Amino acid sequence: MRADAERNRAAILAVAGRLICDEQRDNVCMDEIAAAAGVGKGTLFRRFTDREGLIRALFDDRTGRAWAAVRDLAADPAVPVDERIQTFVATVFDLTVVELQPLTRALPDGCRSETWAPWRALLAELIAQVVPDADAEFLAMAIFASMRPEITDMTSPQRHREGVLALTARVLRSE
């Protein structure tokens, strides 16, 4: 990809992320994103085709960056594994329930299961280190299921987060 095309893509994703995720603005139009990114509408539509394409690219960009961080965290032998798990779960919660919530609600297929498969597998690997006789794969799925953004609609984000972390702590103490 040409340097100017990459710069435009990065600017568009940064602006879209700020408007949609950080400011939690609903119904931001493509014209507004193009203007704020300093690109023409044609550039925006050539790069992302439509609003769904832009939202999916933003989702992939943000999850990709977060994945690199959690992989590094999970592999850090200087941190006890149970602490790595709690930090991993807190990071995923903040990403899925807080940061990406506007994106997952805007995508027609919502939060695709295959997106989170490597995340669940990594969590299962960590759980297996702490609770070797447990069905770590199922426990990882259960923890991920408890982070569904719609649960926050029934309670507060803080209560939801605390509940997910308490559930994770219990899983780690199971025998």
Protein backbone atom coordinates (compact mmCIF):
# COMPACT_ATOMS: atom_id res chain seq x y z
CA MET A 1 0.00 0.00 0.00
CA ARG A 2 1.29 3.47 -0.84
CA ALA A 3 2.43 5.65 2.06
CA ASP A 4 -0.25 8.29 1.45
CA ALA A 5 -2.97 5.63 1.22
CA GLU A 6 -1.76 4.13 4.50
CA ARG A 7 -1.73 7.58 6.13
CA ASN A 8 -5.30 8.22 4.92
CA ARG A 9 -6.45 4.83 6.22
CA ALA A 10 -4.85 5.46 9.62
CA ALA A 11 -6.39 8.95 9.81
CA ILE A 12 -9.85 7.65 8.91
CA LEU A 13 -9.65 4.84 11.49
CA ALA A 14 -8.38 7.25 14.17
CA VAL A 15 -11.22 9.71 13.54
CA ALA A 16 -13.87 7.00 13.30
CA GLY A 17 -12.57 5.44 16.51
CA ARG A 18 -12.65 8.75 18.32
CA LEU A 19 -16.16 9.62 17.16
CA ILE A 20 -17.79 6.19 17.41
CA CYS A 21 -15.92 4.45 20.25
CA ASP A 22 -14.34 7.13 22.40
CA GLU A 23 -17.12 9.72 22.19
CA GLN A 24 -19.82 7.01 21.88
CA ARG A 25 -21.65 8.99 19.19
CA ASP A 26 -24.47 7.23 17.39
CA ASN A 27 -25.13 7.71 13.70
CA VAL A 28 -21.90 9.46 12.77
CA CYS A 29 -22.17 9.93 9.02
CA MET A 30 -19.47 9.05 6.54
CA ASP A 31 -19.29 12.71 5.39
CA GLU A 32 -18.43 13.80 8.93
CA ILE A 33 -15.73 11.14 9.24
CA ALA A 34 -14.19 12.07 5.88
CA ALA A 35 -14.14 15.78 6.76
CA ALA A 36 -12.67 15.21 10.23
CA ALA A 37 -10.00 12.90 8.76
CA GLY A 38 -9.11 15.46 6.10
CA VAL A 39 -9.91 13.17 3.18
CA GLY A 40 -12.50 13.30 0.43
CA LYS A 41 -15.60 11.15 0.48
CA GLY A 42 -14.29 9.28 -2.56
CA THR A 43 -11.15 8.30 -0.65
CA LEU A 44 -13.23 7.11 2.27
CA PHE A 45 -15.57 5.02 0.12
CA ARG A 46 -12.75 3.58 -2.02
CA ARG A 47 -10.97 2.48 1.12
CA PHE A 48 -13.97 1.08 3.06
CA THR A 49 -16.87 0.79 0.54
CA ASP A 50 -19.62 1.59 3.08
CA ARG A 51 -20.30 2.29 6.77
CA GLU A 52 -20.30 -1.42 7.64
CA GLY A 53 -16.91 -1.87 5.98
CA LEU A 54 -15.50 1.04 7.96
CA ILE A 55 -16.93 -0.26 11.24
CA ARG A 56 -15.60 -3.76 10.56
CA ALA A 57 -12.13 -2.35 9.74
CA LEU A 58 -12.20 -0.27 12.92
CA PHE A 59 -13.26 -3.35 14.92
CA ASP A 60 -10.44 -5.42 13.38
CA ASP A 61 -7.89 -2.64 13.97
CA ARG A 62 -8.77 -2.22 17.63
CA THR A 63 -8.99 -5.94 18.38
CA GLY A 64 -5.72 -6.53 16.53
CA ARG A 65 -3.86 -4.01 18.65
CA ALA A 66 -5.41 -5.34 21.86
CA TRP A 67 -4.58 -8.94 20.86
CA ALA A 68 -0.89 -8.08 20.63
CA ALA A 69 -1.00 -6.57 24.13
CA VAL A 70 -2.84 -9.49 25.76
CA ARG A 71 -0.55 -12.04 24.10
CA ASP A 72 2.44 -10.26 25.58
CA LEU A 73 0.75 -10.09 28.97
CA ALA A 74 -0.19 -13.78 28.90
CA ALA A 75 3.38 -14.79 28.09
CA ASP A 76 5.05 -12.73 30.85
CA PRO A 77 6.62 -15.28 33.24
CA ALA A 78 7.44 -12.52 35.74
CA VAL A 79 3.73 -12.18 36.57
CA PRO A 80 1.96 -15.02 38.42
CA VAL A 81 -0.45 -16.82 36.09
CA ASP A 82 -3.56 -16.07 38.18
CA GLU A 83 -2.72 -12.34 38.00
CA ARG A 84 -2.19 -12.64 34.24
CA ILE A 85 -5.63 -14.23 33.93
CA GLN A 86 -7.35 -11.50 35.95
CA THR A 87 -5.60 -8.77 33.95
CA PHE A 88 -6.38 -10.58 30.68
CA VAL A 89 -10.09 -10.84 31.60
CA ALA A 90 -10.23 -7.19 32.74
CA THR A 91 -8.60 -6.10 29.48
CA VAL A 92 -11.00 -8.15 27.36
CA PHE A 93 -13.96 -6.84 29.36
CA ASP A 94 -12.89 -3.23 28.88
CA LEU A 95 -12.34 -3.87 25.19
CA THR A 96 -15.58 -5.72 24.45
CA VAL A 97 -18.06 -4.14 26.82
CA VAL A 98 -16.77 -0.59 26.88
CA GLU A 99 -14.60 0.29 23.89
CA LEU A 100 -16.09 -1.90 21.17
CA GLN A 101 -19.72 -1.85 22.27
CA PRO A 102 -20.80 0.74 19.68
CA LEU A 103 -19.10 -1.31 16.96
CA THR A 104 -20.54 -4.69 17.97
CA ARG A 105 -24.01 -3.17 18.08
CA ALA A 106 -23.56 -1.60 14.66
CA LEU A 107 -22.36 -4.75 12.92
CA PRO A 108 -25.21 -6.86 11.55
CA ASP A 109 -23.65 -10.09 12.81
CA GLY A 110 -22.53 -8.50 16.06
CA CYS A 111 -19.64 -10.11 17.80
CA ARG A 112 -18.55 -13.02 15.62
CA SER A 113 -17.48 -16.07 17.56
CA GLU A 114 -14.47 -16.75 15.33
CA THR A 115 -13.05 -13.32 16.20
CA TRP A 116 -12.67 -14.37 19.81
CA ALA A 117 -11.55 -17.99 19.25
CA PRO A 118 -7.82 -17.29 19.72
CA TRP A 119 -8.60 -15.16 22.77
CA ARG A 120 -10.63 -17.97 24.35
CA ALA A 121 -7.92 -20.50 23.50
CA LEU A 122 -5.27 -18.34 25.18
CA LEU A 123 -7.47 -17.91 28.26
CA ALA A 124 -8.07 -21.68 28.36
CA GLU A 125 -4.29 -22.28 28.23
CA LEU A 126 -3.81 -19.96 31.19
CA ILE A 127 -6.67 -21.50 33.18
CA ALA A 128 -5.25 -24.98 32.57
CA GLN A 129 -2.02 -23.86 34.25
CA VAL A 130 -3.92 -22.91 37.41
CA VAL A 131 -6.67 -25.55 37.41
CA PRO A 132 -5.17 -28.47 35.45
CA ASP A 133 -8.02 -30.94 36.07
CA ALA A 134 -10.78 -28.56 34.95
CA ASP A 135 -12.36 -28.28 31.51
CA ALA A 136 -10.38 -25.11 30.79
CA GLU A 137 -11.92 -24.64 27.34
CA PHE A 138 -15.45 -24.62 28.78
CA LEU A 139 -14.44 -22.29 31.62
CA ALA A 140 -12.91 -19.86 29.13
CA MET A 141 -16.13 -19.94 27.09
CA ALA A 142 -18.18 -19.31 30.23
CA ILE A 143 -16.03 -16.34 31.22
CA PHE A 144 -16.33 -14.89 27.71
CA ALA A 145 -20.10 -15.46 27.73
CA SER A 146 -20.33 -13.50 30.97
CA MET A 147 -18.81 -10.48 29.19
CA ARG A 148 -21.62 -10.08 26.66
CA PRO A 149 -22.32 -6.33 26.34
CA GLU A 150 -26.07 -6.81 26.71
CA ILE A 151 -25.53 -7.82 30.36
CA THR A 152 -24.41 -4.25 30.99
CA ASP A 153 -27.84 -3.15 29.75
CA MET A 154 -29.35 -4.98 32.73
CA THR A 155 -26.89 -3.66 35.33
CA SER A 156 -24.17 -1.03 35.57
CA PRO A 157 -20.84 -1.39 33.75
CA GLN A 158 -19.02 -1.34 37.10
CA ARG A 159 -21.20 -4.09 38.60
CA HIS A 160 -20.85 -6.13 35.41
CA ARG A 161 -17.05 -5.80 35.43
CA GLU A 162 -16.80 -6.68 39.13
CA GLY A 163 -19.05 -9.70 38.58
CA VAL A 164 -16.96 -10.99 35.67
CA LEU A 165 -13.76 -10.62 37.68
CA ALA A 166 -15.34 -12.33 40.70
CA LEU A 167 -16.48 -15.20 38.47
CA THR A 168 -12.96 -15.49 37.08
CA ALA A 169 -11.49 -15.59 40.60
CA ARG A 170 -13.90 -18.38 41.54
CA VAL A 171 -12.98 -20.36 38.45
CA LEU A 172 -9.34 -20.15 39.45
CA ARG A 173 -10.13 -21.43 42.95
CA SER A 174 -12.20 -24.38 41.69
CA GLU A 175 -10.91 -27.88 42.32
